[in-house]
Protein backbone atom coordinates (compact mmCIF):
# COMPACT_ATOMS: atom_id res chain seq x y z
CA MET A 1 0.00 0.00 0.00
CA THR A 2 1.34 3.45 -0.97
CA VAL A 3 0.31 7.03 -0.18
CA VAL A 4 -1.40 7.12 -3.57
CA ASP A 5 -3.80 4.30 -2.69
CA LYS A 6 -7.29 5.27 -1.55
CA SER A 7 -6.98 2.88 1.39
CA PHE A 8 -4.09 4.95 2.75
CA TRP A 9 -6.39 7.98 3.14
CA ARG A 10 -9.31 6.12 4.67
CA GLY A 11 -8.69 7.55 8.14
CA TYR A 12 -8.03 11.15 7.10
CA TRP A 13 -11.64 12.21 6.62
CA PRO A 14 -12.82 10.87 9.99
CA LEU A 15 -10.02 12.81 11.70
CA LEU A 16 -10.90 16.01 9.83
CA SER A 17 -14.61 15.47 10.59
CA ALA A 18 -13.96 14.89 14.29
CA LEU A 19 -11.91 18.10 14.54
CA GLY A 20 -14.63 19.96 12.65
CA VAL A 21 -17.39 18.72 14.97
CA ALA A 22 -15.35 19.84 17.99
CA GLN A 23 -15.05 23.32 16.47
CA LEU A 24 -18.77 23.46 15.76
CA THR A 25 -19.54 22.47 19.35
CA GLN A 26 -17.42 25.36 20.60
CA GLN A 27 -19.17 27.74 18.20
CA ALA A 28 -22.54 26.53 19.54
CA ASP A 29 -21.35 27.29 23.07
CA ILE A 30 -20.39 30.83 22.09
CA VAL A 31 -23.75 31.46 20.39
CA MET A 32 -25.75 30.13 23.36
CA VAL A 33 -23.66 32.01 25.92
CA ALA A 34 -24.06 35.25 23.97
CA ARG A 35 -27.83 35.02 24.44
CA LEU A 36 -27.35 35.33 28.20
CA GLY A 37 -26.32 38.95 27.71
CA GLY A 38 -24.27 40.99 30.14
CA GLY A 39 -20.66 39.93 30.39
CA ALA A 40 -21.29 36.24 29.66
CA SER A 41 -19.57 36.18 26.28
CA GLY A 42 -16.51 38.00 27.57
CA ALA A 43 -16.35 35.72 30.60
CA TYR A 44 -16.53 32.58 28.42
CA VAL A 45 -13.76 33.75 26.08
CA MET A 46 -11.51 34.90 28.93
CA LEU A 47 -11.81 31.56 30.73
CA THR A 48 -10.78 29.67 27.61
CA ARG A 49 -7.83 32.08 27.23
CA MET A 50 -6.81 31.64 30.88
CA ALA A 51 -6.82 27.88 30.38
CA ILE A 52 -4.49 28.06 27.36
CA VAL A 53 -2.02 25.75 29.12
CA ASP A 54 -4.69 23.04 29.45
CA ILE A 55 -5.66 23.36 25.80
CA VAL A 56 -2.06 23.31 24.55
CA LEU A 57 -1.09 20.34 26.71
CA MET A 58 -4.11 18.33 25.53
CA ALA A 59 -3.26 19.00 21.90
CA ALA A 60 0.42 18.16 22.44
CA ILE A 61 -0.25 14.93 24.35
CA GLY A 62 -2.71 13.80 21.69
CA ALA A 63 -0.20 14.54 18.92
CA VAL A 64 2.62 12.62 20.60
CA ALA A 65 0.36 9.72 21.61
CA SER A 66 -0.97 9.27 18.09
CA THR A 67 2.58 8.73 16.77
CA LEU A 68 3.46 6.17 19.46
CA ILE A 69 0.41 3.93 19.02
CA PRO A 70 1.13 2.80 15.41
CA GLN A 71 4.70 1.96 16.42
CA ALA A 72 3.37 -0.07 19.35
CA GLU A 73 0.84 -1.77 17.08
CA ARG A 74 3.58 -2.90 14.70
CA SER A 75 5.54 -4.37 17.60
CA GLY A 76 2.47 -5.95 19.25
CA ASP A 77 2.78 -3.72 22.32
CA THR A 78 -0.43 -1.68 21.91
CA PRO A 79 -2.11 -2.44 25.29
CA ARG A 80 0.95 -1.47 27.34
CA VAL A 81 1.72 1.73 25.42
CA THR A 82 -1.95 2.81 25.32
CA ALA A 83 -2.26 2.33 29.08
CA GLN A 84 0.92 4.34 29.71
CA VAL A 85 -0.23 7.15 27.43
CA LEU A 86 -3.64 7.42 29.10
CA ILE A 87 -2.19 7.26 32.62
CA VAL A 88 0.28 10.06 31.90
CA ALA A 89 -2.50 12.11 30.23
CA SER A 90 -4.81 11.64 33.23
CA ILE A 91 -2.08 12.61 35.71
CA THR A 92 -1.35 15.72 33.64
CA GLY A 93 -5.08 16.50 33.74
CA LEU A 94 -5.07 16.10 37.53
CA CYS A 95 -2.18 18.56 37.78
CA CYS A 96 -4.08 21.05 35.61
CA CYS A 97 -7.16 20.50 37.78
CA GLY A 98 -5.21 21.29 40.95
CA PHE A 99 -3.60 24.32 39.34
CA GLY A 100 -6.97 25.61 38.15
CA LEU A 101 -8.70 25.16 41.49
CA ALA A 102 -5.79 26.84 43.30
CA PHE A 103 -5.06 29.78 41.02
CA TYR A 104 -7.97 30.48 38.62
CA PRO A 105 -10.26 32.12 41.23
CA GLY A 106 -7.50 34.51 42.35
CA LEU A 107 -6.54 35.21 38.75
CA VAL A 108 -10.14 36.10 37.94
CA GLY A 109 -10.26 38.58 40.83
CA TRP A 110 -6.94 40.11 39.83
CA LEU A 111 -7.65 40.46 36.10
CA PHE A 112 -11.33 41.42 36.08
CA HIS A 113 -12.83 44.16 38.18
CA ASP A 114 -16.06 44.21 36.17
CA ALA A 115 -18.65 42.36 38.27
CA GLU A 116 -20.54 41.30 35.11
CA ILE A 117 -17.50 39.22 34.06
CA ALA A 118 -15.93 38.27 37.41
CA GLY A 119 -19.25 37.08 38.87
CA PRO A 120 -20.11 34.44 36.25
CA LEU A 121 -16.47 33.31 36.08
CA GLY A 122 -16.27 32.61 39.81
CA VAL A 123 -18.49 29.50 39.68
CA SER A 124 -17.52 28.50 36.15
CA VAL A 125 -13.81 28.05 36.88
CA PHE A 126 -14.61 25.41 39.52
CA TRP A 127 -16.50 23.20 37.07
CA PHE A 128 -14.03 23.82 34.27
CA ALA A 129 -11.02 22.86 36.40
CA LEU A 130 -12.81 19.87 37.94
CA ALA A 131 -13.33 18.27 34.53
CA ALA A 132 -9.68 18.60 33.43
CA PRO A 133 -8.63 14.95 34.06
CA PHE A 134 -11.63 13.68 32.09
CA ARG A 135 -10.97 16.09 29.22
CA PHE A 136 -7.36 14.96 29.01
CA PHE A 137 -8.31 11.28 29.13
CA GLY A 138 -11.08 11.60 26.54
CA SER A 139 -9.08 13.78 24.15
CA THR A 140 -6.02 11.49 24.26
CA ALA A 141 -8.13 8.34 23.93
CA ALA A 142 -9.81 9.80 20.84
CA PHE A 143 -6.40 10.33 19.21
CA VAL A 144 -5.48 6.76 20.15
CA LEU A 145 -8.63 5.44 18.47
CA HIS A 146 -7.86 7.46 15.34
CA ALA A 147 -4.37 5.96 15.30
CA LEU A 148 -5.93 2.50 15.66
CA ALA A 149 -8.01 3.17 12.49
CA ASP A 150 -11.25 3.53 14.47
CA GLY A 151 -11.90 7.10 13.39
CA PRO A 152 -15.50 6.64 12.11
CA ARG A 153 -16.61 5.52 15.56
CA VAL A 154 -14.99 8.61 17.08
CA VAL A 155 -16.85 10.86 14.62
CA ARG A 156 -20.20 9.27 15.51
CA TRP A 157 -19.46 9.75 19.18
CA ARG A 158 -18.39 13.37 18.64
CA LEU A 159 -21.73 14.05 16.98
CA ILE A 160 -23.53 12.50 19.98
CA GLU A 161 -21.34 14.63 22.25
CA ALA A 162 -22.29 17.78 20.35
CA ILE A 163 -26.01 17.03 20.66
CA ALA A 164 -25.63 16.17 24.35
CA LYS A 165 -23.65 19.37 24.97
CA ILE A 166 -26.28 21.57 23.34
CA ALA A 167 -29.07 19.78 25.24
CA GLY A 168 -27.11 20.13 28.47
CA ASN A 169 -26.62 23.83 27.84
CA LEU A 170 -30.34 24.31 27.40
CA LEU A 171 -31.06 22.34 30.57
CA PHE A 172 -28.51 23.90 32.92
CA MET A 173 -28.19 27.40 31.47
CA ASN A 174 -31.85 28.07 30.81
CA GLY A 175 -33.96 25.36 32.41
CA LEU A 176 -32.20 25.40 35.79
CA GLY A 177 -31.16 29.05 35.53
CA MET A 178 -27.44 28.46 36.16
CA GLY A 179 -26.38 30.91 33.45
CA LEU A 180 -22.76 30.73 32.30
CA ALA A 181 -21.86 28.13 34.93
CA GLY A 182 -24.44 25.82 33.33
CA CYS A 183 -22.37 25.73 30.15
CA PHE A 184 -19.38 24.37 32.06
CA VAL A 185 -21.49 21.97 34.16
CA SER A 186 -22.76 20.55 30.89
CA GLY A 187 -19.21 20.36 29.53
CA SER A 188 -18.01 18.53 32.65
CA LEU A 189 -20.73 15.91 32.41
CA VAL A 190 -20.05 15.35 28.72
CA ALA A 191 -16.31 15.00 29.42
CA ILE A 192 -17.03 12.37 32.09
CA LEU A 193 -19.33 10.41 29.77
CA SER A 194 -16.77 10.62 26.96
CA SER A 195 -14.04 9.23 29.21
CA PHE A 196 -16.14 6.22 30.15
CA TRP A 197 -17.10 5.65 26.51
CA CYS A 198 -13.46 5.77 25.36
CA TRP A 199 -12.36 3.44 28.15
CA ARG A 200 -15.12 0.97 27.21
CA VAL A 201 -14.22 1.00 23.51
CA LEU A 202 -10.52 0.52 24.18
CA ALA A 203 -11.27 -2.29 26.62
CA GLN A 204 -13.43 -4.03 24.01
CA ARG A 205 -10.54 -3.83 21.55
CA ASN A 206 -8.20 -5.35 24.16
CA ALA A 207 -6.09 -2.21 23.76
CA LEU A 208 -5.57 -1.66 27.50
CA SER A 209 -3.52 -3.36 30.16
CA LEU A 210 -2.77 -2.66 33.82
CA VAL A 211 0.76 -1.22 33.93
CA VAL A 212 2.82 1.39 35.71
CA PRO A 213 4.46 3.82 33.24
CA GLU A 214 8.18 3.17 32.91
CA ARG A 215 10.39 6.04 34.01
CA ALA A 216 12.52 6.20 30.84
CA TRP A 217 9.45 5.94 28.58
CA THR A 218 7.60 8.62 30.56
CA LEU A 219 10.53 11.03 30.35
CA ARG A 220 10.76 10.58 26.55
CA PHE A 221 7.01 11.06 26.22
CA LEU A 222 7.00 14.20 28.38
CA ARG A 223 10.03 15.59 26.53
CA SER A 224 8.25 15.25 23.17
CA THR A 225 5.07 16.70 24.70
CA ALA A 226 7.01 19.68 26.06
CA TRP A 227 8.51 20.44 22.63
CA GLU A 228 5.14 20.16 20.89
CA SER A 229 3.56 22.36 23.58
CA GLN A 230 6.31 24.92 23.08
CA ARG A 231 5.67 24.90 19.33
CA ILE A 232 1.94 25.58 19.79
CA LEU A 233 2.48 28.24 22.46
CA THR A 234 5.11 30.00 20.37
CA MET A 235 2.74 30.18 17.43
CA GLN A 236 -0.03 31.57 19.62
CA ALA A 237 2.35 34.14 21.13
CA ALA A 238 3.54 35.25 17.68
CA ILE A 239 -0.06 35.72 16.51
CA PHE A 240 -0.83 37.75 19.64
CA VAL A 241 2.22 39.99 19.07
CA CYS A 242 1.28 40.52 15.42
CA LEU A 243 -2.28 41.38 16.43
CA SER A 244 -0.90 43.89 18.94
CA LEU A 245 1.31 45.45 16.25
CA PHE A 246 -1.67 45.83 13.91
CA ALA A 247 -3.56 47.56 16.72
CA ALA A 248 -0.64 49.85 17.67
CA PRO A 249 -1.47 53.49 16.81
CA TRP A 250 2.24 54.47 16.87
CA LEU A 251 3.27 52.06 14.10
CA GLY A 252 2.70 53.37 10.56
CA THR A 253 -0.55 55.06 9.61
CA TYR A 254 -3.08 53.50 11.94
CA HIS A 255 -6.68 53.04 10.88
CA ILE A 256 -9.31 50.63 12.08
CA ALA A 257 -9.49 48.84 8.72
CA ARG A 258 -6.07 47.24 9.06
CA ILE A 259 -6.70 45.67 12.50
CA ASN A 260 -10.20 44.57 11.47
CA SER A 261 -8.86 42.97 8.29
CA TYR A 262 -6.11 41.13 10.15
CA ALA A 263 -8.46 39.94 12.90
CA ALA A 264 -11.03 38.73 10.35
CA GLY A 265 -8.21 37.06 8.43
CA GLN A 266 -7.14 35.11 11.51
CA THR A 267 -10.70 33.79 11.81
CA LEU A 268 -10.63 32.74 8.15
CA ILE A 269 -7.25 31.06 8.65
CA LEU A 270 -8.71 28.73 11.28
CA PHE A 271 -11.09 27.40 8.63
CA VAL A 272 -8.63 27.33 5.71
CA PHE A 273 -5.80 25.68 7.65
CA ALA A 274 -8.00 23.01 9.30
CA PRO A 275 -7.47 20.42 6.51
CA PHE A 276 -3.72 21.07 6.60
CA MET A 277 -3.54 20.56 10.36
CA ALA A 278 -5.59 17.37 10.07
CA LEU A 279 -3.24 16.22 7.30
CA MET A 280 -0.20 16.76 9.52
CA ARG A 281 -1.75 14.89 12.44
CA TYR A 282 -2.89 12.05 10.17
CA LEU A 283 0.39 11.57 8.34
CA ALA A 284 2.37 11.77 11.59
CA TYR A 285 0.79 8.55 12.85
CA ARG A 286 0.02 6.94 9.48
CA LEU A 287 3.49 7.03 7.98
CA PRO A 288 5.70 4.13 9.02
CA GLU A 289 8.89 4.75 10.96
CA ARG A 290 11.76 4.92 8.46
CA ASN A 291 15.15 6.50 7.97
CA GLY A 292 15.24 9.99 6.48
CA ARG A 293 16.14 9.24 2.87
CA GLU A 294 13.63 6.39 2.72
CA TYR A 295 10.94 9.07 3.02
CA ASP A 296 11.99 10.86 -0.17
CA PRO A 297 9.68 8.89 -2.54
CA ILE A 298 6.79 9.27 -0.07
CA ILE A 299 7.34 13.02 0.31
CA ARG A 300 7.54 13.59 -3.44
CA ALA A 301 4.42 11.48 -4.06
CA LEU A 302 2.49 13.47 -1.43
CA TRP A 303 3.66 16.77 -2.91
CA ARG A 304 2.83 15.69 -6.46
CA HIS A 305 -0.67 14.42 -5.74
CA GLY A 306 -1.46 17.14 -3.19
CA ALA A 307 -0.71 19.83 -5.76
CA ILE A 308 -3.74 18.64 -7.75
CA VAL A 309 -5.97 19.76 -4.88
CA VAL A 310 -4.04 22.61 -3.27
CA PHE A 311 -3.40 24.79 -6.33
CA PRO A 312 -7.07 24.88 -7.45
CA PHE A 313 -8.08 25.59 -3.83
CA ALA A 314 -5.65 28.53 -3.72
CA ALA A 315 -6.98 29.84 -7.05
CA ALA A 316 -10.57 29.56 -5.77
CA LEU A 317 -9.61 31.51 -2.64
CA ILE A 318 -8.28 34.39 -4.76
CA ALA A 319 -11.39 34.31 -6.95
CA CYS A 320 -13.61 34.51 -3.83
CA ARG A 321 -11.76 37.50 -2.39
CA ASP A 322 -14.63 39.96 -2.76
CA PRO A 323 -17.44 37.60 -1.64
CA LEU A 324 -15.34 36.71 1.42
CA GLY A 325 -14.83 40.41 2.06
CA GLY A 326 -18.60 40.89 1.98
CA LEU A 327 -19.08 37.94 4.37
CA TYR A 328 -16.56 39.27 6.88
CA GLY A 329 -17.42 42.93 6.28
CA GLN A 330 -13.93 43.79 5.03
CA GLN A 331 -12.57 45.65 2.02
CA GLY A 332 -9.51 47.64 0.96
CA PRO A 333 -5.85 46.68 0.43
CA TRP A 334 -5.29 45.25 3.92
CA TRP A 335 -7.96 42.65 3.13
CA SER A 336 -7.36 41.98 -0.57
CA VAL A 337 -3.60 41.57 -0.19
CA PHE A 338 -4.14 39.32 2.82
CA ILE A 339 -6.29 36.95 0.73
CA GLN A 340 -3.71 36.91 -2.06
CA ALA A 341 -0.86 36.18 0.37
CA LEU A 342 -2.90 33.50 2.11
CA ALA A 343 -3.66 31.81 -1.22
CA LEU A 344 0.00 31.93 -2.29
CA SER A 345 1.06 30.41 1.03
CA LEU A 346 -1.22 27.36 0.75
CA PRO A 347 0.93 25.21 -1.58
CA LEU A 348 3.96 26.06 0.52
CA ARG A 349 2.15 25.26 3.77
CA TYR A 350 0.98 21.94 2.36
CA ALA A 351 4.58 21.05 1.49
CA THR A 352 5.94 22.04 4.90
CA ASN A 353 3.15 20.23 6.75
CA VAL A 354 4.17 17.04 4.97
CA LEU A 355 7.74 17.61 6.22
CA ARG A 356 6.45 18.34 9.73
CA ALA A 357 4.47 15.09 9.66
CA VAL A 358 7.48 13.10 8.46
CA SER A 359 9.65 14.52 11.26
CA GLN A 360 7.01 13.79 13.90
CA ALA A 361 6.44 10.30 12.52
CA ARG A 362 10.10 9.69 13.38
CA GLY A 363 9.49 11.05 16.89
CA ASP A 364 11.48 14.22 16.15
CA PHE A 365 9.16 16.78 17.76
CA THR A 366 12.18 18.86 18.81
CA THR A 367 13.16 19.78 15.25
CA VAL A 368 9.62 20.78 14.27
CA ALA A 369 9.26 22.97 17.37
CA LYS A 370 12.60 24.70 16.76
CA ALA A 371 11.86 25.24 13.06
CA ASP A 372 8.40 26.74 13.65
CA SER A 373 9.52 28.92 16.56
CA ALA A 374 12.63 30.29 14.89
CA SER A 375 11.00 30.97 11.51
CA LEU A 376 8.07 32.84 13.06
CA TRP A 377 10.15 35.07 15.31
CA LEU A 378 13.07 35.61 12.93
CA PHE A 379 10.96 36.33 9.84
CA GLY A 380 7.22 36.53 10.59
CA VAL A 381 7.03 39.14 13.35
CA PRO A 382 9.76 41.44 11.86
CA LEU A 383 8.02 41.40 8.46
CA VAL A 384 4.74 42.43 10.06
CA ALA A 385 6.44 45.26 11.94
CA LEU A 386 8.28 46.44 8.81
CA GLY A 387 5.16 46.28 6.64
CA LEU A 388 3.13 48.27 9.16
CA HIS A 389 5.91 50.84 9.51
CA LEU A 390 6.02 51.30 5.73
CA ASP A 391 2.21 51.06 5.35
CA SER A 392 2.79 48.16 2.95
CA PRO A 393 0.31 45.27 3.15
CA ALA A 394 2.46 43.30 0.70
CA ILE A 395 5.48 43.35 3.04
CA ALA A 396 3.42 42.74 6.18
CA TYR A 397 1.69 39.70 4.68
CA LEU A 398 4.95 38.18 3.51
CA SER A 399 4.81 36.92 7.11
CA LEU A 400 2.46 34.22 5.76
CA ILE A 401 4.97 33.06 3.13
CA VAL A 402 8.60 33.65 4.16
CA PRO A 403 8.46 31.80 7.54
CA GLU A 404 6.91 28.76 5.84
CA ALA A 405 9.64 28.75 3.20
CA ALA A 406 12.36 29.02 5.84
CA CYS A 407 10.73 26.29 7.92
CA GLY A 408 10.51 24.00 4.89
CA VAL A 409 14.20 24.45 4.05
CA TRP A 410 15.16 23.85 7.69
CA LEU A 411 13.11 20.64 7.97
CA TRP A 412 14.30 19.28 4.63
CA ARG A 413 17.95 19.84 5.44
CA ARG A 414 17.50 18.46 8.96
CA LEU A 415 15.74 15.37 7.65
CA HIS A 416 18.67 14.57 5.39
CA GLY A 417 21.37 16.06 7.60
CA THR A 418 20.45 13.66 10.39
CA GLU A 419 21.03 10.74 8.06
CA MET A 420 24.41 12.16 7.06
CA GLN A 421 25.33 12.46 10.74
CA ARG A 422 24.30 8.86 11.32
CA ALA A 423 26.23 7.72 8.27
CA TRP A 424 29.41 9.60 9.23
CA PRO A 425 30.81 6.93 11.62
CA THR A 426 30.28 4.34 8.91
CA PHE A 427 32.01 6.63 6.42
CA GLU A 428 34.97 7.01 8.78
CA LYS A 429 35.22 3.24 9.20
CA LEU A 430 35.19 2.76 5.43
CA ARG A 431 37.83 5.46 5.05
CA ASP A 432 40.07 3.81 7.66
CA LEU A 433 39.51 0.44 6.04
CA ALA A 434 40.42 1.90 2.66
CA GLY A 435 43.55 3.40 4.21
CA LEU A 436 44.55 0.02 5.57
CA HIS A 437 44.11 -1.52 2.13
CA VAL A 438 46.27 1.22 0.59
CA ASP A 439 49.00 0.67 3.18
CA LEU A 440 48.82 -3.08 2.61
CA TRP A 441 49.21 -2.71 -1.16
CA ARG A 442 52.09 -0.26 -0.68
CA THR A 443 53.87 -2.78 1.52
CA ILE A 444 53.30 -5.59 -0.96
CA TRP A 445 54.47 -3.41 -3.86
CA SER A 446 57.60 -2.26 -2.05
CA ARG A 447 58.57 -5.82 -1.17
CA ALA A 448 57.89 -6.94 -4.74
CA GLU A 449 60.27 -4.25 -6.04
CA LYS A 450 62.99 -5.43 -3.68
């Protein structure tokens, strides 16, 4: 089976669908909370921002776990590795729960003096923090099931979750009059039910065993998780800094259109990049573990066949520039150039996401984190600052293209450079052996002359 076969891509669409359903559930929460009025919407958004560490750690643990499970499946060690992954995820969730219960209430009081926001948050943080271990367990188990080619079942369950969450919101927020706290009570109950469902499914598949995580394995797992977390946090921080630069009145000629266009563009990016992120996650656990140069045919095949989809998608994005501007209420150069730059970046981002997936499939989360972090801060943020200073949307939005190009070059050279480093000892041995042969023939020749 190759990456060109349809069977290779069978699990991609369930993964993309599951991620999409999760996003829709969050959007439903925002819509329902907004109807409460007052400071409910602001309180909901601020709580999710305060819990950024929880969200990042869940995503990172799921990413690392999904690459370990296929390796364990090939070696027949799935139950032990799955159990270790879920235990470490649950313990991490317990730590986040303790941190939230200890510090979130004080943080709310320190950050928010508006009673309309601080009041609803006071009760909500308790329920949100309390559900952390179940969220971590359920999220990680879902990635494990995707890696075990059981994605369709996860999608069906995510749809049931979404319906249950909306029904729970109606019951607790409106029926029982709990307001914003009702949204998080509903979320906690759904997280608990999801954890039990995931545990039951994995037990039925005989994919669990009773083990204590090994120290060396746990350290490697946490090291990879830390690097992936750092990558995600660095990207979020860079976006926040760029948003702040667009909103800075002292940088260039400030007008509200440029910050509105950039903010609307970031919302559009979440939708446009979703298939690319799902592709990276899918390939990271679907590609077999190989040496660097053995990936070359796979990488080129993915690039060649992906171009058939990505280039028309980019062209369609440019063609829909004005309708998208009408949808988001944006117009002018800061919007039109953004769409053009975004479209031009898509083929490049597809190519680099394949390289990211290949690196993570080999367990090399460190390289991906360093490449993304360095390229964003060395090229992305300075280009935004320079473009704003010169009032040039074209320069500012090169931040969507240049960092991806730099990241792609870095990953490609690292992928092959690692193999050269591994081959160097062998090369030195061959060189020494060749030297011995030369010396031997010189000795034989000199004696023959005598």
